[in-house]
Amino acid sequence: MGFRVVTPGELDWKTRPHEPDEAPRHVAEVSDLAGFEHTRANVWRYEPGAKGRRHRHPVQEETFVVLAGTLSMYVGDPPVRQDVPTGGVIHVEPGTPLQSVNHGDVELMVYAYGTPPESEHAEILDSAV
């Protein structure tokens, strides 16, 4: 087939592990649903105050498209905060430390994709926030 459409109803949301006092993040994996062969993608929902883990991928570049809310991305070493509004894009090169945070008071939704597809090979770093 030359294309695939993934509708919101097909997304299987999973809540990521978090401490009881931390706002949760939710992820829906898109790669298999869309039939990706050379990339990997997820849709993320960050509740207000939620933050991801600071990490870096050795070979995968990542691109983040903000679908709703404002993404605060801490990139580099030392980390520098970059605020990306709805409709904005941030691209992070391999080897660059990054951490995603929702400092806003509304849910943040982000489409994140990377290439080459790399899963669970990220180096986990100390939090920037």
N, C-alpha and C. Protein backbone atom coordinates (compact mmCIF):
# COMPACT_ATOMS: atom_id res chain seq x y z
N MET A 1 0.84 -1.17 0.00
CA MET A 1 0.00 0.00 0.00
C MET A 1 0.89 1.24 0.00
N GLY A 2 0.55 2.27 -0.74
CA GLY A 2 1.34 3.48 -0.88
C GLY A 2 1.16 4.49 0.24
N PHE A 3 0.18 4.31 1.12
CA PHE A 3 -0.02 5.25 2.22
C PHE A 3 -0.84 4.60 3.32
N ARG A 4 -0.81 5.21 4.49
CA ARG A 4 -1.64 4.77 5.61
C ARG A 4 -2.11 6.01 6.35
N VAL A 5 -3.34 5.97 6.81
CA VAL A 5 -3.90 7.04 7.63
C VAL A 5 -4.08 6.49 9.04
N VAL A 6 -3.63 7.24 10.02
CA VAL A 6 -3.81 6.89 11.42
C VAL A 6 -4.76 7.92 12.02
N THR A 7 -5.88 7.47 12.53
CA THR A 7 -6.86 8.39 13.11
C THR A 7 -6.66 8.45 14.63
N PRO A 8 -7.10 9.55 15.27
CA PRO A 8 -6.93 9.67 16.72
C PRO A 8 -7.51 8.49 17.50
N GLY A 9 -8.59 7.91 17.02
CA GLY A 9 -9.20 6.79 17.72
C GLY A 9 -8.35 5.53 17.72
N GLU A 10 -7.38 5.44 16.82
CA GLU A 10 -6.49 4.28 16.76
C GLU A 10 -5.33 4.37 17.76
N LEU A 11 -5.09 5.55 18.30
CA LEU A 11 -3.96 5.72 19.20
C LEU A 11 -4.22 5.03 20.54
N ASP A 12 -3.24 4.26 20.99
CA ASP A 12 -3.31 3.54 22.25
C ASP A 12 -2.43 4.28 23.25
N TRP A 13 -3.05 5.08 24.11
CA TRP A 13 -2.32 5.93 25.05
C TRP A 13 -1.85 5.13 26.26
N LYS A 14 -0.57 5.28 26.58
CA LYS A 14 0.02 4.63 27.75
C LYS A 14 0.62 5.71 28.64
N THR A 15 0.31 5.64 29.92
CA THR A 15 0.87 6.59 30.87
C THR A 15 2.27 6.11 31.26
N ARG A 16 3.24 7.01 31.13
CA ARG A 16 4.63 6.69 31.45
C ARG A 16 4.82 6.70 32.97
N PRO A 17 5.78 5.91 33.48
CA PRO A 17 6.04 5.90 34.91
C PRO A 17 6.39 7.30 35.42
N HIS A 18 5.88 7.62 36.60
CA HIS A 18 6.16 8.92 37.21
C HIS A 18 5.96 8.80 38.72
N GLU A 19 6.55 9.72 39.45
CA GLU A 19 6.41 9.75 40.90
C GLU A 19 5.00 10.22 41.25
N PRO A 20 4.47 9.83 42.43
CA PRO A 20 3.11 10.23 42.80
C PRO A 20 2.89 11.74 42.80
N ASP A 21 3.94 12.51 43.09
CA ASP A 21 3.79 13.97 43.13
C ASP A 21 4.11 14.64 41.79
N GLU A 22 4.39 13.86 40.75
CA GLU A 22 4.71 14.41 39.44
C GLU A 22 3.51 14.31 38.49
N ALA A 23 3.38 15.33 37.65
CA ALA A 23 2.34 15.29 36.61
C ALA A 23 2.72 14.23 35.59
N PRO A 24 1.75 13.45 35.09
CA PRO A 24 2.07 12.37 34.15
C PRO A 24 2.22 12.82 32.70
N ARG A 25 2.91 11.95 31.95
CA ARG A 25 3.03 12.05 30.50
C ARG A 25 2.38 10.81 29.93
N HIS A 26 1.83 10.95 28.72
CA HIS A 26 1.17 9.83 28.06
C HIS A 26 1.75 9.73 26.65
N VAL A 27 1.94 8.51 26.17
CA VAL A 27 2.52 8.32 24.84
C VAL A 27 1.66 7.35 24.04
N ALA A 28 1.55 7.64 22.76
CA ALA A 28 0.92 6.73 21.79
C ALA A 28 1.95 6.47 20.70
N GLU A 29 2.31 5.21 20.52
CA GLU A 29 3.30 4.85 19.50
C GLU A 29 2.63 4.83 18.14
N VAL A 30 3.27 5.48 17.18
CA VAL A 30 2.70 5.65 15.84
C VAL A 30 3.38 4.77 14.80
N SER A 31 4.63 4.40 15.03
CA SER A 31 5.45 3.75 14.01
C SER A 31 4.79 2.54 13.35
N ASP A 32 4.34 1.61 14.16
CA ASP A 32 3.73 0.40 13.59
C ASP A 32 2.40 0.70 12.91
N LEU A 33 1.58 1.56 13.55
CA LEU A 33 0.29 1.92 12.96
C LEU A 33 0.45 2.54 11.58
N ALA A 34 1.49 3.38 11.42
CA ALA A 34 1.70 4.08 10.16
C ALA A 34 2.55 3.28 9.18
N GLY A 35 3.13 2.17 9.63
CA GLY A 35 3.95 1.35 8.74
C GLY A 35 5.33 1.91 8.49
N PHE A 36 5.88 2.65 9.46
CA PHE A 36 7.21 3.23 9.28
C PHE A 36 8.27 2.14 9.18
N GLU A 37 9.19 2.30 8.26
CA GLU A 37 10.30 1.36 8.12
C GLU A 37 11.64 2.00 8.48
N HIS A 38 11.77 3.31 8.26
CA HIS A 38 13.07 3.96 8.42
C HIS A 38 13.07 5.05 9.48
N THR A 39 11.93 5.25 10.13
CA THR A 39 11.82 6.25 11.19
C THR A 39 11.02 5.66 12.33
N ARG A 40 10.95 6.42 13.42
CA ARG A 40 10.19 6.02 14.60
C ARG A 40 9.43 7.24 15.06
N ALA A 41 8.17 7.08 15.47
CA ALA A 41 7.39 8.25 15.88
C ALA A 41 6.43 7.91 17.02
N ASN A 42 6.17 8.94 17.81
CA ASN A 42 5.21 8.86 18.90
C ASN A 42 4.45 10.18 18.98
N VAL A 43 3.25 10.12 19.52
CA VAL A 43 2.54 11.32 19.92
C VAL A 43 2.56 11.34 21.44
N TRP A 44 2.97 12.48 22.00
CA TRP A 44 3.08 12.64 23.45
C TRP A 44 2.06 13.64 23.95
N ARG A 45 1.48 13.35 25.12
CA ARG A 45 0.63 14.31 25.83
C ARG A 45 1.27 14.54 27.20
N TYR A 46 1.57 15.79 27.48
CA TYR A 46 2.14 16.18 28.77
C TYR A 46 1.10 16.99 29.52
N GLU A 47 0.71 16.51 30.69
CA GLU A 47 -0.19 17.30 31.52
C GLU A 47 0.58 18.50 32.05
N PRO A 48 -0.12 19.58 32.48
CA PRO A 48 0.60 20.74 33.01
C PRO A 48 1.58 20.34 34.11
N GLY A 49 2.82 20.81 33.98
CA GLY A 49 3.86 20.49 34.96
C GLY A 49 4.64 19.23 34.66
N ALA A 50 4.24 18.45 33.67
CA ALA A 50 4.95 17.19 33.37
C ALA A 50 6.28 17.46 32.70
N LYS A 51 7.22 16.57 32.94
CA LYS A 51 8.53 16.67 32.30
C LYS A 51 9.02 15.28 31.93
N GLY A 52 9.74 15.23 30.82
CA GLY A 52 10.37 13.98 30.39
C GLY A 52 11.74 13.83 31.04
N ARG A 53 12.38 12.74 30.73
CA ARG A 53 13.73 12.51 31.25
C ARG A 53 14.74 13.16 30.31
N ARG A 54 15.73 13.80 30.89
CA ARG A 54 16.81 14.38 30.08
C ARG A 54 17.65 13.22 29.55
N HIS A 55 17.91 13.25 28.25
CA HIS A 55 18.63 12.15 27.63
C HIS A 55 19.32 12.61 26.36
N ARG A 56 20.09 11.73 25.78
CA ARG A 56 20.69 11.98 24.47
C ARG A 56 20.76 10.65 23.72
N HIS A 57 20.51 10.73 22.42
CA HIS A 57 20.61 9.56 21.56
C HIS A 57 21.94 9.63 20.81
N PRO A 58 22.69 8.53 20.79
CA PRO A 58 24.00 8.56 20.12
C PRO A 58 23.92 8.70 18.60
N VAL A 59 22.90 8.10 17.96
CA VAL A 59 22.85 8.14 16.50
C VAL A 59 21.53 8.66 15.93
N GLN A 60 20.50 8.76 16.75
CA GLN A 60 19.18 9.17 16.25
C GLN A 60 18.99 10.68 16.35
N GLU A 61 18.60 11.30 15.24
CA GLU A 61 18.16 12.69 15.29
C GLU A 61 16.67 12.68 15.57
N GLU A 62 16.18 13.72 16.26
CA GLU A 62 14.77 13.77 16.61
C GLU A 62 14.18 15.12 16.21
N THR A 63 12.94 15.08 15.75
CA THR A 63 12.21 16.28 15.39
C THR A 63 10.89 16.27 16.15
N PHE A 64 10.54 17.42 16.71
CA PHE A 64 9.34 17.56 17.53
C PHE A 64 8.45 18.64 16.91
N VAL A 65 7.18 18.29 16.67
CA VAL A 65 6.19 19.22 16.12
C VAL A 65 5.14 19.44 17.20
N VAL A 66 4.96 20.69 17.61
CA VAL A 66 4.03 21.00 18.69
C VAL A 66 2.62 21.11 18.11
N LEU A 67 1.73 20.22 18.56
CA LEU A 67 0.36 20.19 18.08
C LEU A 67 -0.58 21.04 18.93
N ALA A 68 -0.26 21.18 20.22
CA ALA A 68 -1.06 21.99 21.14
C ALA A 68 -0.20 22.38 22.33
N GLY A 69 -0.39 23.57 22.85
CA GLY A 69 0.37 24.04 23.99
C GLY A 69 1.72 24.60 23.58
N THR A 70 2.61 24.74 24.56
CA THR A 70 3.97 25.23 24.31
C THR A 70 4.95 24.23 24.90
N LEU A 71 5.85 23.75 24.06
CA LEU A 71 6.91 22.83 24.48
C LEU A 71 8.10 23.65 24.96
N SER A 72 8.55 23.37 26.19
CA SER A 72 9.82 23.92 26.66
C SER A 72 10.83 22.80 26.54
N MET A 73 11.81 22.99 25.66
CA MET A 73 12.83 21.98 25.41
C MET A 73 14.16 22.52 25.94
N TYR A 74 14.77 21.75 26.83
CA TYR A 74 16.08 22.10 27.35
C TYR A 74 17.10 21.32 26.53
N VAL A 75 17.90 22.03 25.73
CA VAL A 75 18.83 21.37 24.81
C VAL A 75 20.26 21.82 25.08
N GLY A 76 21.18 20.89 24.80
CA GLY A 76 22.60 21.19 24.91
C GLY A 76 23.15 20.93 26.29
N ASP A 77 24.45 21.21 26.43
CA ASP A 77 25.15 21.03 27.68
C ASP A 77 26.14 22.18 27.85
N PRO A 78 25.83 23.15 28.70
CA PRO A 78 24.72 23.18 29.65
C PRO A 78 23.38 23.38 28.94
N PRO A 79 22.29 22.95 29.58
CA PRO A 79 20.98 23.04 28.94
C PRO A 79 20.50 24.48 28.77
N VAL A 80 19.97 24.76 27.59
CA VAL A 80 19.39 26.07 27.27
C VAL A 80 17.92 25.85 26.95
N ARG A 81 17.04 26.63 27.57
CA ARG A 81 15.59 26.49 27.36
C ARG A 81 15.18 27.13 26.04
N GLN A 82 14.45 26.35 25.24
CA GLN A 82 13.86 26.82 23.99
C GLN A 82 12.36 26.58 24.08
N ASP A 83 11.56 27.65 24.00
CA ASP A 83 10.11 27.51 24.03
C ASP A 83 9.58 27.45 22.61
N VAL A 84 8.83 26.39 22.31
CA VAL A 84 8.31 26.15 20.96
C VAL A 84 6.78 26.18 21.03
N PRO A 85 6.14 27.15 20.35
CA PRO A 85 4.68 27.28 20.43
C PRO A 85 3.96 26.30 19.52
N THR A 86 2.64 26.25 19.68
CA THR A 86 1.79 25.44 18.81
C THR A 86 2.13 25.74 17.35
N GLY A 87 2.33 24.68 16.57
CA GLY A 87 2.68 24.84 15.16
C GLY A 87 4.17 24.93 14.92
N GLY A 88 4.96 25.07 15.97
CA GLY A 88 6.42 25.17 15.84
C GLY A 88 7.09 23.81 15.78
N VAL A 89 8.34 23.83 15.37
CA VAL A 89 9.14 22.61 15.21
C VAL A 89 10.51 22.85 15.82
N ILE A 90 11.03 21.83 16.51
CA ILE A 90 12.41 21.86 16.96
C ILE A 90 13.07 20.56 16.52
N HIS A 91 14.27 20.67 15.96
CA HIS A 91 15.03 19.51 15.48
C HIS A 91 16.29 19.40 16.33
N VAL A 92 16.56 18.18 16.82
CA VAL A 92 17.70 17.95 17.70
C VAL A 92 18.63 16.92 17.06
N GLU A 93 19.89 17.33 16.89
CA GLU A 93 20.87 16.46 16.25
C GLU A 93 21.31 15.33 17.19
N PRO A 94 21.79 14.20 16.64
CA PRO A 94 22.29 13.11 17.48
C PRO A 94 23.36 13.60 18.45
N GLY A 95 23.38 13.04 19.64
CA GLY A 95 24.39 13.38 20.62
C GLY A 95 24.08 14.62 21.44
N THR A 96 22.99 15.31 21.14
CA THR A 96 22.62 16.54 21.85
C THR A 96 21.68 16.20 23.01
N PRO A 97 22.05 16.56 24.23
CA PRO A 97 21.14 16.32 25.36
C PRO A 97 19.85 17.12 25.20
N LEU A 98 18.72 16.52 25.61
CA LEU A 98 17.44 17.20 25.53
C LEU A 98 16.52 16.73 26.64
N GLN A 99 15.59 17.63 27.00
CA GLN A 99 14.55 17.31 27.98
C GLN A 99 13.33 18.14 27.64
N SER A 100 12.17 17.48 27.57
CA SER A 100 10.90 18.14 27.25
C SER A 100 10.12 18.41 28.53
N VAL A 101 9.54 19.61 28.62
CA VAL A 101 8.79 20.01 29.81
C VAL A 101 7.57 20.81 29.38
N ASN A 102 6.48 20.64 30.13
CA ASN A 102 5.28 21.46 29.94
C ASN A 102 5.19 22.41 31.13
N HIS A 103 5.67 23.65 30.96
CA HIS A 103 5.59 24.66 32.01
C HIS A 103 4.24 25.38 31.98
N GLY A 104 3.41 25.09 30.97
CA GLY A 104 2.13 25.77 30.82
C GLY A 104 1.05 25.23 31.73
N ASP A 105 -0.14 25.84 31.62
CA ASP A 105 -1.27 25.40 32.44
C ASP A 105 -2.33 24.66 31.62
N VAL A 106 -1.97 24.29 30.37
CA VAL A 106 -2.83 23.46 29.52
C VAL A 106 -2.02 22.27 29.03
N GLU A 107 -2.71 21.23 28.59
CA GLU A 107 -2.03 20.04 28.09
C GLU A 107 -1.18 20.37 26.87
N LEU A 108 0.00 19.78 26.82
CA LEU A 108 0.92 19.89 25.70
C LEU A 108 0.80 18.62 24.88
N MET A 109 0.69 18.75 23.55
CA MET A 109 0.68 17.59 22.67
C MET A 109 1.76 17.78 21.61
N VAL A 110 2.60 16.75 21.46
CA VAL A 110 3.76 16.83 20.57
C VAL A 110 3.85 15.56 19.73
N TYR A 111 4.12 15.75 18.43
CA TYR A 111 4.45 14.64 17.54
C TYR A 111 5.97 14.59 17.47
N ALA A 112 6.56 13.46 17.85
CA ALA A 112 8.01 13.32 17.87
C ALA A 112 8.42 12.17 16.96
N TYR A 113 9.38 12.44 16.07
CA TYR A 113 9.88 11.35 15.24
C TYR A 113 11.39 11.40 15.13
N GLY A 114 11.98 10.25 14.91
CA GLY A 114 13.43 10.15 14.86
C GLY A 114 13.88 9.17 13.80
N THR A 115 15.13 9.39 13.37
CA THR A 115 15.75 8.51 12.40
C THR A 115 17.26 8.51 12.65
N PRO A 116 17.95 7.40 12.46
CA PRO A 116 17.39 6.07 12.24
C PRO A 116 16.62 5.62 13.47
N PRO A 117 15.68 4.70 13.29
CA PRO A 117 14.86 4.27 14.43
C PRO A 117 15.73 3.68 15.53
N GLU A 118 15.61 4.25 16.70
CA GLU A 118 16.42 3.82 17.84
C GLU A 118 15.50 3.79 19.04
N SER A 119 15.43 2.69 19.71
CA SER A 119 14.55 2.56 20.86
C SER A 119 15.34 2.04 22.05
N GLU A 120 15.18 2.72 23.17
CA GLU A 120 15.79 2.30 24.43
C GLU A 120 17.32 2.31 24.40
N HIS A 121 17.93 3.11 23.52
CA HIS A 121 19.38 3.21 23.50
C HIS A 121 19.85 4.57 23.99
N ALA A 122 18.94 5.39 24.49
CA ALA A 122 19.31 6.73 24.94
C ALA A 122 20.09 6.67 26.25
N GLU A 123 21.01 7.59 26.37
CA GLU A 123 21.75 7.77 27.61
C GLU A 123 20.93 8.70 28.50
N ILE A 124 20.58 8.26 29.69
CA ILE A 124 19.79 9.06 30.62
C ILE A 124 20.73 9.97 31.40
N LEU A 125 20.35 11.26 31.49
CA LEU A 125 21.18 12.28 32.13
C LEU A 125 20.44 12.91 33.31
N ASP A 126 21.15 13.67 34.13
CA ASP A 126 20.52 14.39 35.24
C ASP A 126 19.56 15.43 34.68
N SER A 127 18.45 15.62 35.38
CA SER A 127 17.40 16.55 34.94
C SER A 127 17.94 17.98 34.88
N ALA A 128 17.44 18.72 33.90
CA ALA A 128 17.78 20.14 33.74
C ALA A 128 16.87 21.01 34.59
N VAL A 129 15.72 20.46 35.02
CA VAL A 129 14.76 21.23 35.81
C VAL A 129 14.37 20.48 37.06
